Amino acid sequence: MSNFSDSAPALSTLTSCRTADLPWLPWAMRGSQFKLLSVDPASGRYTLLIRFDKGVVAPIHRHIGAVEGYVLEGAFHYADQPEVRFGAGDYLLERDSAVHQPVSPEGAVMFAVFHGPVEGLDQEDNVIGRIDWKWHLDTWNAALAKAES
């Protein structure tokens, strides 16, 4: 397993990992897990594998930066557009400022590149939470440090 650091100098122009060897960690949303693949503090970009359990209904959220996703397994749709389904092999671009609520009746696994933070919203569009590259990095490193102790 790899620890990431936001202050270590770059050792090379290539970063890689064997994703099957990385643990699934609980994500900010109940019923979902993530694997951290990369972080770029300078741009705020981070890359994840995300796994959604069957029956997951995500909180309503807003993208501060765009998100590019590629569905590897399963499927999901947005609560306000149940007829538009994203399944294995589908690419999607959620533009910055997008507000939506994903739903995954069968569960899904997705590769996603986040170009900025995501904010959780309440019913009145008030921000009730925020996750960004730093939240992911801190959560990842804390879990790995706990596993090693």
Protein backbone atom coordinates (compact mmCIF):
# COMPACT_ATOMS: atom_id res chain seq x y z
CA MET A 1 0.00 0.00 0.00
CA SER A 2 1.17 3.51 -0.71
CA ASN A 3 1.13 6.57 1.50
CA PHE A 4 0.73 9.80 -0.40
CA SER A 5 2.31 13.03 0.74
CA ASP A 6 1.29 16.52 -0.27
CA SER A 7 4.75 17.90 0.49
CA ALA A 8 7.20 15.25 -0.78
CA PRO A 9 9.15 16.17 -3.91
CA ALA A 10 8.27 14.29 -7.07
CA LEU A 11 10.59 11.34 -7.53
CA SER A 12 9.71 10.73 -11.16
CA THR A 13 7.26 11.67 -13.85
CA LEU A 14 5.36 8.39 -13.36
CA THR A 15 3.13 7.28 -10.53
CA SER A 16 1.54 3.85 -10.57
CA CYS A 17 -0.15 1.37 -8.28
CA ARG A 18 -1.70 -2.07 -8.40
CA THR A 19 -5.31 -1.16 -7.61
CA ALA A 20 -6.22 -4.72 -6.59
CA ASP A 21 -3.71 -4.44 -3.71
CA LEU A 22 -5.22 -1.20 -2.35
CA PRO A 23 -7.86 -1.38 0.39
CA TRP A 24 -11.39 -0.08 -0.03
CA LEU A 25 -11.94 2.65 2.58
CA PRO A 26 -15.27 4.15 3.65
CA TRP A 27 -16.04 7.23 1.58
CA ALA A 28 -17.85 10.39 2.68
CA MET A 29 -21.17 8.94 1.53
CA ARG A 30 -22.83 6.07 3.42
CA GLY A 31 -22.80 2.86 1.38
CA SER A 32 -19.73 3.75 -0.67
CA GLN A 33 -16.00 3.12 -0.55
CA PHE A 34 -12.98 4.55 -2.35
CA LYS A 35 -9.42 3.83 -3.36
CA LEU A 36 -7.18 6.88 -3.71
CA LEU A 37 -5.14 6.67 -6.90
CA SER A 38 -3.60 10.15 -7.09
CA VAL A 39 -3.75 13.68 -5.72
CA ASP A 40 -2.46 16.93 -7.18
CA PRO A 41 -2.46 19.66 -4.52
CA ALA A 42 -1.39 22.32 -7.04
CA SER A 43 -4.51 21.86 -9.19
CA GLY A 44 -6.87 20.37 -6.60
CA ARG A 45 -7.40 17.33 -8.82
CA TYR A 46 -7.69 13.81 -7.39
CA THR A 47 -8.42 10.41 -8.89
CA LEU A 48 -10.43 7.63 -7.26
CA LEU A 49 -11.98 4.28 -7.74
CA ILE A 50 -15.44 4.52 -6.14
CA ARG A 51 -17.66 1.57 -5.23
CA PHE A 52 -21.36 2.02 -4.49
CA ASP A 53 -23.30 -0.65 -2.61
CA LYS A 54 -26.62 -1.89 -3.98
CA GLY A 55 -29.44 0.51 -3.25
CA VAL A 56 -27.25 3.55 -2.57
CA VAL A 57 -28.90 6.95 -2.83
CA ALA A 58 -26.27 9.68 -2.68
CA PRO A 59 -26.88 12.94 -0.88
CA ILE A 60 -27.65 15.93 -3.09
CA HIS A 61 -24.33 17.54 -3.93
CA ARG A 62 -22.66 20.20 -6.06
CA HIS A 63 -19.43 19.90 -8.01
CA ILE A 64 -17.08 22.86 -7.55
CA GLY A 65 -14.84 21.33 -10.21
CA ALA A 66 -15.87 19.01 -13.02
CA VAL A 67 -15.79 15.23 -12.56
CA GLU A 68 -14.99 12.76 -15.31
CA GLY A 69 -16.21 9.24 -14.69
CA TYR A 70 -16.01 5.87 -16.39
CA VAL A 71 -18.33 3.15 -15.13
CA LEU A 72 -16.48 -0.16 -14.74
CA GLU A 73 -19.25 -2.31 -13.22
CA GLY A 74 -22.93 -1.96 -12.39
CA ALA A 75 -24.95 1.17 -13.08
CA PHE A 76 -26.48 4.32 -11.66
CA HIS A 77 -28.77 7.18 -12.64
CA TYR A 78 -29.72 10.59 -11.28
CA ALA A 79 -32.81 10.87 -9.06
CA ASP A 80 -34.36 13.49 -11.36
CA GLN A 81 -33.64 11.47 -14.55
CA PRO A 82 -34.23 7.78 -13.79
CA GLU A 83 -34.62 6.99 -17.49
CA VAL A 84 -30.98 7.99 -18.22
CA ARG A 85 -28.85 5.10 -16.97
CA PHE A 86 -25.05 4.99 -16.89
CA GLY A 87 -23.71 1.43 -17.08
CA ALA A 88 -20.44 -0.41 -17.52
CA GLY A 89 -18.43 1.13 -20.35
CA ASP A 90 -20.11 4.55 -20.14
CA TYR A 91 -18.12 7.78 -19.79
CA LEU A 92 -19.67 10.88 -18.26
CA LEU A 93 -18.61 14.44 -17.58
CA GLU A 94 -20.29 16.20 -14.68
CA ARG A 95 -19.45 19.86 -15.25
CA ASP A 96 -18.50 22.23 -12.46
CA SER A 97 -21.58 23.63 -10.71
CA ALA A 98 -23.59 20.45 -11.49
CA VAL A 99 -26.09 19.68 -8.71
CA HIS A 100 -27.55 16.18 -8.61
CA GLN A 101 -28.31 13.04 -6.63
CA PRO A 102 -26.98 9.72 -8.00
CA VAL A 103 -28.91 6.52 -7.28
CA SER A 104 -27.50 3.00 -7.77
CA PRO A 105 -30.12 0.25 -7.35
CA GLU A 106 -27.67 -2.52 -8.38
CA GLY A 107 -24.40 -1.03 -7.13
CA ALA A 108 -21.52 0.22 -9.25
CA VAL A 109 -17.77 0.72 -9.51
CA MET A 110 -16.47 3.84 -11.22
CA PHE A 111 -13.10 5.36 -12.09
CA ALA A 112 -13.37 9.11 -11.47
CA VAL A 113 -11.15 12.16 -11.90
CA PHE A 114 -12.28 15.09 -9.76
CA HIS A 115 -11.15 18.53 -10.92
CA GLY A 116 -12.11 20.14 -7.61
CA PRO A 117 -14.13 19.73 -4.42
CA VAL A 118 -17.65 18.38 -3.96
CA GLU A 119 -20.11 20.01 -1.57
CA GLY A 120 -22.97 18.20 0.15
CA LEU A 121 -26.20 20.23 0.22
CA ASP A 122 -29.32 20.20 2.36
CA GLN A 123 -32.85 20.67 0.98
CA GLU A 124 -32.39 24.48 0.98
CA ASP A 125 -29.08 24.27 -0.95
CA ASN A 126 -27.02 25.10 2.15
CA VAL A 127 -23.55 23.51 2.19
CA ILE A 128 -23.44 20.82 4.89
CA GLY A 129 -20.12 19.21 3.98
CA ARG A 130 -17.19 19.43 1.60
CA ILE A 131 -14.64 16.91 0.38
CA ASP A 132 -11.55 17.76 -1.65
CA TRP A 133 -8.08 16.36 -2.42
CA LYS A 134 -6.91 17.12 1.15
CA TRP A 135 -9.83 15.28 2.77
CA HIS A 136 -9.06 12.23 0.62
CA LEU A 137 -5.34 12.39 1.30
CA ASP A 138 -5.82 12.77 5.06
CA THR A 139 -8.43 9.99 5.22
CA TRP A 140 -6.25 7.65 3.14
CA ASN A 141 -3.04 8.23 5.09
CA ALA A 142 -4.80 7.97 8.48
CA ALA A 143 -6.34 4.62 7.52
CA LEU A 144 -3.01 3.25 6.30
CA ALA A 145 -1.19 4.47 9.41
CA LYS A 146 -3.82 2.79 11.60
CA ALA A 147 -3.48 -0.46 9.62
CA GLU A 148 0.31 -0.42 10.05
CA SER A 149 0.18 0.13 13.83
